[in-house]
Amino acid sequence: MKMLEVFGSYFDEYRESILSQIRELGYRVQIKLLNASDYGVPQLRPRVVIIGIRCDEKKLFHYPIERPENTKTVGETLVDLMKTNGWKDADAWAASADTIAPTIVGGSKKTWRTRSWSGESTESVGGLGS
């Protein structure tokens, strides 16, 4: 299931069932879709976060403030690391990696079809820096 689907009308009953069960256990519940790129991670990584605080607790939970304008590109984030072994094309690579990375799912064929930020073939991705 994709993260965004959890908030679609198709999952209204399922989502409410989960939240209702948590409430029945004595918790106040909050649910929110967070994207790691809004917090400085240079990757599209949406996650549904459910927070439950016991009703007898007076403390409140506040989600962190989203600051997507502070997120660097993949190239900006990794260029120094790519240069450590003397790769002469690191700056050119960094300039071409000028967005955040797509969500990467290990072992998924779909992963290799979502290379929009790199423009690299699957064979060359493993050989970066060689």
Protein backbone atom coordinates (compact mmCIF):
# COMPACT_ATOMS: atom_id res chain seq x y z
CA MET A 1 0.00 0.00 0.00
CA LYS A 2 1.30 3.45 -0.88
CA MET A 3 1.47 6.00 1.93
CA LEU A 4 -0.84 8.50 0.22
CA GLU A 5 -3.49 5.80 -0.24
CA VAL A 6 -3.96 5.63 3.54
CA PHE A 7 -5.58 9.07 3.35
CA GLY A 8 -7.81 8.23 0.38
CA SER A 9 -11.53 7.64 0.81
CA TYR A 10 -11.06 3.97 -0.06
CA PHE A 11 -9.27 3.49 3.28
CA ASP A 12 -11.61 5.65 5.40
CA GLU A 13 -13.11 2.65 7.22
CA TYR A 14 -9.74 0.91 7.69
CA ARG A 15 -8.03 4.07 8.93
CA GLU A 16 -10.87 4.93 11.30
CA SER A 17 -10.88 1.37 12.63
CA ILE A 18 -7.20 1.64 13.59
CA LEU A 19 -7.62 5.09 15.15
CA SER A 20 -10.77 4.01 16.98
CA GLN A 21 -9.01 0.98 18.50
CA ILE A 22 -6.18 3.20 19.72
CA ARG A 23 -8.72 5.62 21.25
CA GLU A 24 -10.49 2.71 22.97
CA LEU A 25 -7.17 1.88 24.64
CA GLY A 26 -7.26 5.32 26.26
CA TYR A 27 -5.19 7.43 23.87
CA ARG A 28 -5.71 10.74 22.12
CA VAL A 29 -4.69 10.16 18.52
CA GLN A 30 -3.18 12.27 15.78
CA ILE A 31 -2.37 11.08 12.28
CA LYS A 32 -0.36 12.92 9.67
CA LEU A 33 1.49 12.26 6.43
CA LEU A 34 5.08 13.47 6.77
CA ASN A 35 7.66 13.69 4.00
CA ALA A 36 11.29 13.43 5.00
CA SER A 37 12.24 16.06 2.41
CA ASP A 38 10.28 18.62 4.44
CA TYR A 39 12.77 18.00 7.26
CA GLY A 40 16.08 18.13 5.40
CA VAL A 41 16.39 14.62 3.93
CA PRO A 42 17.12 14.85 0.17
CA GLN A 43 14.71 12.04 -0.70
CA LEU A 44 11.01 11.66 -1.39
CA ARG A 45 10.13 9.53 1.62
CA PRO A 46 6.49 9.96 2.68
CA ARG A 47 5.46 8.24 5.91
CA VAL A 48 2.22 8.09 7.82
CA VAL A 49 2.86 8.87 11.47
CA ILE A 50 0.30 8.04 14.15
CA ILE A 51 0.87 9.60 17.55
CA GLY A 52 -0.98 8.34 20.59
CA ILE A 53 -0.80 10.07 23.97
CA ARG A 54 -2.54 8.58 26.97
CA CYS A 55 -5.62 10.58 27.88
CA ASP A 56 -4.37 11.00 31.47
CA GLU A 57 -1.26 12.83 30.18
CA LYS A 58 -1.62 16.60 30.04
CA LYS A 59 1.27 17.02 27.64
CA LEU A 60 0.61 17.86 24.01
CA PHE A 61 2.48 16.64 20.96
CA HIS A 62 3.45 19.06 18.22
CA TYR A 63 4.77 17.86 14.90
CA PRO A 64 8.09 19.44 13.93
CA ILE A 65 7.92 22.48 11.69
CA GLU A 66 8.26 21.64 8.01
CA ARG A 67 11.13 23.45 6.33
CA PRO A 68 11.35 22.12 2.77
CA GLU A 69 13.29 25.22 1.71
CA ASN A 70 16.23 23.97 3.82
CA THR A 71 16.49 20.63 2.01
CA LYS A 72 19.59 20.28 -0.15
CA THR A 73 19.66 18.34 -3.41
CA VAL A 74 21.22 14.89 -3.64
CA GLY A 75 24.24 16.42 -5.37
CA GLU A 76 24.73 19.09 -2.70
CA THR A 77 24.41 16.47 0.02
CA LEU A 78 26.74 13.85 -1.43
CA VAL A 79 29.34 15.76 -3.46
CA ASP A 80 31.95 15.85 -0.68
CA LEU A 81 31.58 12.13 -0.09
CA MET A 82 31.83 11.45 -3.83
CA LYS A 83 35.11 13.42 -3.96
CA THR A 84 36.81 11.59 -1.08
CA ASN A 85 38.43 8.96 -3.30
CA GLY A 86 39.41 11.47 -5.97
CA TRP A 87 36.53 11.03 -8.39
CA LYS A 88 37.20 13.80 -10.90
CA ASP A 89 33.62 13.92 -12.20
CA ALA A 90 32.01 14.44 -8.78
CA ASP A 91 31.17 18.11 -9.37
CA ALA A 92 29.57 17.35 -12.75
CA TRP A 93 27.60 14.51 -11.18
CA ALA A 94 26.48 16.76 -8.32
CA ALA A 95 25.32 19.42 -10.76
CA SER A 96 23.18 16.84 -12.55
CA ALA A 97 21.79 15.42 -9.28
CA ASP A 98 19.96 18.70 -8.74
CA THR A 99 16.77 17.49 -7.07
CA ILE A 100 15.81 15.26 -4.17
CA ALA A 101 16.00 11.53 -4.78
CA PRO A 102 12.96 9.38 -5.47
CA THR A 103 11.73 6.89 -2.92
CA ILE A 104 13.99 3.85 -3.13
CA VAL A 105 12.46 0.45 -2.48
CA GLY A 106 15.03 -2.29 -2.11
CA GLY A 107 14.77 -5.03 -4.68
CA SER A 108 11.93 -3.37 -6.54
CA LYS A 109 12.08 -3.25 -10.33
CA LYS A 110 10.12 -0.01 -10.02
CA THR A 111 13.12 1.51 -8.23
CA TRP A 112 15.21 1.33 -11.35
CA ARG A 113 12.48 3.02 -13.36
CA THR A 114 12.50 6.06 -11.06
CA ARG A 115 15.91 7.48 -11.93
CA SER A 116 14.72 10.95 -12.94
CA TRP A 117 17.23 12.69 -10.65
CA SER A 118 20.28 10.81 -11.90
CA GLY A 119 19.69 10.02 -15.56
CA GLU A 120 21.93 6.98 -15.01
CA SER A 121 21.35 3.45 -16.24
CA THR A 122 21.03 0.71 -13.63
CA GLU A 123 24.46 -0.62 -14.63
CA SER A 124 26.21 2.69 -13.99
CA VAL A 125 24.47 3.52 -10.70
CA GLY A 126 26.45 0.79 -8.96
CA GLY A 127 29.66 2.04 -10.53
CA LEU A 128 29.49 5.70 -9.47
CA GLY A 129 32.95 6.87 -8.59
CA SER A 130 34.76 4.06 -10.35
